[in-house]
């Protein structure tokens, strides 16, 4: 298994710039996944159109090839998205837990102070 490039952030105290960079990385991963799905759908639709438009043997074989390629692209994108999301979660979850606990401490401190 490849080394996790995000492991070094697991126990580190992150500044706002680092947290925002992590958010951008998560969003980039989602955008890339959607591009894989969109490309897979485009190949699948093109293949289905080829099957309907060219009912000869060549059109049907090219059409089914494009449908299979579209399915392959969508599955590959899903696998890559999940692998990257798993790597990102190793440092993102502790960061979110820390933010929640900090917010709870700030709320209890504001409630206990006299107005």
Protein backbone atom coordinates (compact mmCIF):
# COMPACT_ATOMS: atom_id res chain seq x y z
CA UNK A 1 0.00 0.00 0.00
CA UNK A 2 1.37 3.45 -0.85
CA UNK A 3 2.43 5.76 1.93
CA UNK A 4 -0.28 8.18 3.03
CA UNK A 5 0.90 11.70 2.14
CA UNK A 6 -1.58 13.20 4.62
CA UNK A 7 -0.36 11.19 7.61
CA UNK A 8 1.99 13.97 8.71
CA UNK A 9 -1.02 16.21 9.47
CA UNK A 10 -2.71 13.69 11.77
CA UNK A 11 -1.41 14.97 15.12
CA UNK A 12 -0.18 18.37 14.00
CA UNK A 13 -1.74 21.61 15.12
CA UNK A 14 -3.07 23.02 11.87
CA UNK A 15 -3.44 26.69 11.17
CA UNK A 16 -6.34 28.11 9.19
CA UNK A 17 -4.40 28.02 5.92
CA UNK A 18 -3.80 24.28 6.34
CA UNK A 19 -7.43 23.59 7.19
CA UNK A 20 -8.61 25.53 4.16
CA UNK A 21 -6.12 23.68 1.97
CA UNK A 22 -7.54 20.40 3.27
CA UNK A 23 -11.06 21.59 2.39
CA UNK A 24 -9.89 22.50 -1.11
CA UNK A 25 -8.32 19.07 -1.49
CA UNK A 26 -11.56 17.36 -0.47
CA UNK A 27 -13.53 19.47 -2.95
CA UNK A 28 -11.00 18.78 -5.71
CA UNK A 29 -11.37 15.05 -5.04
CA UNK A 30 -15.15 15.36 -5.39
CA UNK A 31 -14.83 17.38 -8.62
CA UNK A 32 -12.48 14.79 -10.07
CA UNK A 33 -14.90 12.01 -9.19
CA UNK A 34 -17.75 13.85 -10.88
CA UNK A 35 -15.59 14.31 -13.98
CA UNK A 36 -14.97 10.55 -14.08
CA UNK A 37 -18.69 9.87 -13.79
CA UNK A 38 -19.55 12.46 -16.44
CA UNK A 39 -16.98 11.00 -18.84
CA UNK A 40 -18.22 7.47 -18.18
CA UNK A 41 -21.79 8.53 -18.86
CA UNK A 42 -20.76 10.30 -22.06
CA UNK A 43 -19.04 7.16 -23.35
CA UNK A 44 -22.03 5.02 -22.36
CA UNK A 45 -24.54 7.30 -24.07
CA UNK A 46 -22.35 7.53 -27.16
CA UNK A 47 -22.15 3.76 -27.25
CA UNK A 48 -25.91 3.37 -26.90
CA UNK A 49 -26.42 5.94 -29.65
CA UNK A 50 -24.00 4.08 -31.89
CA UNK A 51 -25.90 0.84 -31.35
CA UNK A 52 -29.19 2.52 -32.28
CA UNK A 53 -27.84 4.62 -35.14
CA UNK A 54 -25.70 1.96 -36.85
CA UNK A 55 -27.50 -1.40 -36.62
CA UNK A 56 -24.76 -3.21 -38.57
CA UNK A 57 -22.15 -5.42 -36.91
CA UNK A 58 -19.47 -2.72 -36.79
CA UNK A 59 -21.78 -0.15 -35.18
CA UNK A 60 -23.01 -2.64 -32.60
CA UNK A 61 -19.52 -3.81 -31.66
CA UNK A 62 -18.20 -0.24 -31.41
CA UNK A 63 -21.27 0.73 -29.40
CA UNK A 64 -20.86 -2.07 -26.87
CA UNK A 65 -17.16 -1.29 -26.66
CA UNK A 66 -17.97 2.32 -25.78
CA UNK A 67 -20.55 1.23 -23.20
CA UNK A 68 -17.98 -1.08 -21.60
CA UNK A 69 -15.36 1.68 -21.65
CA UNK A 70 -17.80 4.09 -20.01
CA UNK A 71 -18.55 1.57 -17.27
CA UNK A 72 -14.82 0.98 -16.75
CA UNK A 73 -14.16 4.72 -16.44
CA UNK A 74 -16.97 5.18 -13.91
CA UNK A 75 -15.79 2.23 -11.80
CA UNK A 76 -12.17 3.44 -11.93
CA UNK A 77 -13.24 6.92 -10.83
CA UNK A 78 -15.23 5.50 -7.94
CA UNK A 79 -12.28 3.41 -6.75
CA UNK A 80 -9.88 6.35 -6.96
CA UNK A 81 -12.31 8.68 -5.18
CA UNK A 82 -12.82 6.26 -2.31
CA UNK A 83 -9.08 5.61 -1.94
CA UNK A 84 -8.28 9.32 -1.80
CA UNK A 85 -11.18 10.05 0.55
CA UNK A 86 -9.92 7.30 2.87
CA UNK A 87 -6.44 8.87 2.92
CA UNK A 88 -7.86 12.32 3.58
CA UNK A 89 -10.06 11.10 6.42
CA UNK A 90 -7.01 10.01 8.46
CA UNK A 91 -6.16 13.62 9.20
CA UNK A 92 -9.50 15.33 8.59
CA UNK A 93 -11.53 13.48 11.26
CA UNK A 94 -9.25 14.43 14.19
CA UNK A 95 -9.27 18.00 12.87
CA UNK A 96 -13.09 18.08 12.88
CA UNK A 97 -13.28 16.52 16.34
CA UNK A 98 -10.91 19.19 17.67
CA UNK A 99 -13.01 21.96 16.11
CA UNK A 100 -16.18 20.56 17.71
CA UNK A 101 -14.58 20.32 21.14
CA UNK A 102 -13.16 23.85 20.83
CA UNK A 103 -16.61 25.20 19.94
CA UNK A 104 -18.18 23.39 22.91
CA UNK A 105 -15.54 24.82 25.27
CA UNK A 106 -16.09 28.32 23.94
CA UNK A 107 -19.85 28.00 24.36
CA UNK A 108 -19.56 26.77 27.95
CA UNK A 109 -17.09 29.55 28.78
CA UNK A 110 -19.43 32.21 27.37
CA UNK A 111 -22.40 30.81 29.28
CA UNK A 112 -20.53 30.72 32.58
CA UNK A 113 -19.21 34.28 32.37
CA UNK A 114 -21.40 36.99 33.89
CA UNK A 115 -22.97 39.48 31.43
